Amino acid sequence: MSEQNPPQTPEDQNKQTTSESLEGQIPPLTDDTMRRKAVDLAFDYRGDVTIETTSGQSFTGYLYNRDGEAAKPYATMMLKGEAEQRLLYSEIAKLTFSGKDPAAGKTWESWLKRYVEKKLKGEAANIESETLDD
């Protein structure tokens, strides 16, 4: 019988998605399963990634599409200058979360804390969203 993980509370899920940024990480690509997981994480990542291929090429951009169930699983990246690059999973030798994660630290709790701090200092605070560039 397989062991099941206990259900996660919303607080547990929030901790996993908000406290850990993949920015700068280089996941190990030791087998097809690890490669598939890394590509899935890159797909969900909000910043750019850099992929080095088995042929020595390097591509940096936003990974916006992938099909891990295709006969030959692939990922598609939007490169700088609007070019696209399609890579087979089997061609991926290294994947680096190289770009800044523009949403890191932008949780509801972080926003509320900054809002309250501004109000307590007598500074102007409003409900308008902040830019993701900082």
Protein backbone atom coordinates (compact mmCIF):
# COMPACT_ATOMS: atom_id res chain seq x y z
CA MET A 1 0.00 0.00 0.00
CA SER A 2 1.37 3.44 -0.92
CA GLU A 3 1.93 6.07 1.73
CA GLN A 4 -0.19 9.18 1.31
CA ASN A 5 0.80 12.67 2.35
CA PRO A 6 -1.53 14.34 4.85
CA PRO A 7 -3.73 17.06 3.36
CA GLN A 8 -2.16 20.49 3.46
CA THR A 9 -3.79 23.44 5.15
CA PRO A 10 -4.04 26.71 3.22
CA GLU A 11 -1.33 28.08 5.52
CA ASP A 12 1.02 25.22 4.52
CA GLN A 13 0.36 25.83 0.84
CA ASN A 14 0.90 29.58 1.26
CA LYS A 15 4.25 29.00 3.02
CA GLN A 16 5.46 26.84 0.15
CA THR A 17 4.46 29.29 -2.57
CA THR A 18 5.41 32.57 -0.92
CA SER A 19 8.44 31.91 1.27
CA GLU A 20 10.53 30.01 -1.22
CA SER A 21 11.69 31.63 -4.43
CA LEU A 22 13.35 29.61 -7.13
CA GLU A 23 15.39 32.62 -8.18
CA GLY A 24 19.02 31.57 -8.67
CA GLN A 25 18.29 27.85 -8.20
CA ILE A 26 19.76 25.16 -10.47
CA PRO A 27 17.79 21.94 -10.01
CA PRO A 28 19.58 18.63 -10.57
CA LEU A 29 18.63 16.99 -13.89
CA THR A 30 19.77 13.49 -13.04
CA ASP A 31 16.99 11.65 -14.87
CA ASP A 32 13.85 12.18 -16.97
CA THR A 33 11.64 12.54 -13.89
CA MET A 34 13.81 15.30 -12.43
CA ARG A 35 14.01 17.02 -15.83
CA ARG A 36 10.20 16.92 -16.15
CA LYS A 37 9.77 18.39 -12.64
CA ALA A 38 12.29 21.15 -13.38
CA VAL A 39 10.50 22.09 -16.60
CA ASP A 40 7.17 22.15 -14.75
CA LEU A 41 8.66 24.47 -12.12
CA ALA A 42 10.12 26.68 -14.87
CA PHE A 43 6.69 26.85 -16.52
CA ASP A 44 5.17 28.12 -13.25
CA TYR A 45 8.08 30.50 -12.57
CA ARG A 46 7.36 34.16 -13.19
CA GLY A 47 10.88 35.12 -14.26
CA ASP A 48 13.29 34.11 -16.98
CA VAL A 49 15.19 30.85 -17.02
CA THR A 50 18.40 29.89 -18.78
CA ILE A 51 18.57 26.51 -20.46
CA GLU A 52 21.81 24.97 -21.61
CA THR A 53 21.46 22.17 -24.14
CA THR A 54 23.39 18.97 -24.56
CA SER A 55 24.93 20.53 -27.70
CA GLY A 56 26.32 23.46 -25.67
CA GLN A 57 23.84 26.15 -26.73
CA SER A 58 22.35 28.49 -24.13
CA PHE A 59 18.94 30.16 -24.25
CA THR A 60 17.52 32.70 -21.80
CA GLY A 61 13.88 33.68 -21.74
CA TYR A 62 10.43 33.02 -20.37
CA LEU A 63 9.32 29.39 -20.56
CA TYR A 64 5.63 29.74 -21.43
CA ASN A 65 4.65 26.39 -22.91
CA ARG A 66 5.52 22.73 -22.44
CA ASP A 67 4.13 19.31 -23.24
CA GLY A 68 5.58 16.59 -21.06
CA GLU A 69 3.10 14.05 -22.42
CA ALA A 70 4.06 14.42 -26.09
CA ALA A 71 5.82 11.53 -27.85
CA LYS A 72 8.92 13.75 -27.63
CA PRO A 73 8.30 16.07 -24.64
CA TYR A 74 9.21 19.70 -25.36
CA ALA A 75 9.24 23.19 -23.88
CA THR A 76 8.85 26.52 -25.68
CA MET A 77 10.56 29.71 -24.55
CA MET A 78 10.02 33.35 -25.49
CA LEU A 79 13.51 34.74 -25.94
CA LYS A 80 14.56 38.39 -25.79
CA GLY A 81 13.51 40.19 -28.97
CA GLU A 82 10.31 38.12 -29.31
CA ALA A 83 11.99 35.08 -30.84
CA GLU A 84 10.81 31.64 -29.76
CA GLN A 85 12.83 28.52 -29.08
CA ARG A 86 11.40 25.02 -28.85
CA LEU A 87 13.55 22.48 -26.99
CA LEU A 88 13.08 18.79 -26.45
CA TYR A 89 13.32 17.78 -22.80
CA SER A 90 16.03 15.32 -23.82
CA GLU A 91 18.15 18.27 -25.07
CA ILE A 92 18.09 20.08 -21.71
CA ALA A 93 21.39 19.61 -19.90
CA LYS A 94 21.02 22.42 -17.34
CA LEU A 95 18.19 24.70 -16.25
CA THR A 96 18.82 27.81 -14.15
CA PHE A 97 16.17 30.09 -12.67
CA SER A 98 18.24 33.06 -13.80
CA GLY A 99 15.75 35.92 -13.93
CA LYS A 100 14.34 37.91 -11.04
CA ASP A 101 11.08 36.54 -9.71
CA PRO A 102 8.95 39.69 -10.01
CA ALA A 103 6.33 38.40 -7.59
CA ALA A 104 8.67 37.25 -4.80
CA GLY A 105 7.66 38.87 -1.53
CA LYS A 106 4.48 40.24 -3.04
CA THR A 107 2.07 38.26 -0.87
CA TRP A 108 -1.09 39.64 0.65
CA GLU A 109 0.53 39.50 4.09
CA SER A 110 3.56 41.51 2.89
CA TRP A 111 1.33 44.13 1.28
CA LEU A 112 -0.86 44.42 4.39
CA LYS A 113 2.18 44.80 6.64
CA ARG A 114 3.60 47.61 4.46
CA TYR A 115 0.16 49.27 4.32
CA VAL A 116 -0.26 49.24 8.10
CA GLU A 117 3.32 50.48 8.65
CA LYS A 118 2.70 53.44 6.31
CA LYS A 119 -0.61 54.28 8.00
CA LEU A 120 0.97 54.14 11.47
CA LYS A 121 3.74 56.51 10.31
CA GLY A 122 1.14 58.90 8.94
CA GLU A 123 2.30 58.32 5.37
CA ALA A 124 -0.03 58.09 2.42
CA ALA A 125 -1.16 54.50 1.90
CA ASN A 126 -3.70 53.34 -0.62
CA ILE A 127 -5.07 50.15 -2.07
CA GLU A 128 -3.47 50.65 -5.47
CA SER A 129 -1.21 47.81 -6.55
CA GLU A 130 2.53 48.29 -6.52
CA THR A 131 4.73 47.84 -9.55
CA LEU A 132 6.57 44.54 -9.83
CA ASP A 133 9.81 46.23 -10.96
CA ASP A 134 11.35 46.93 -7.55
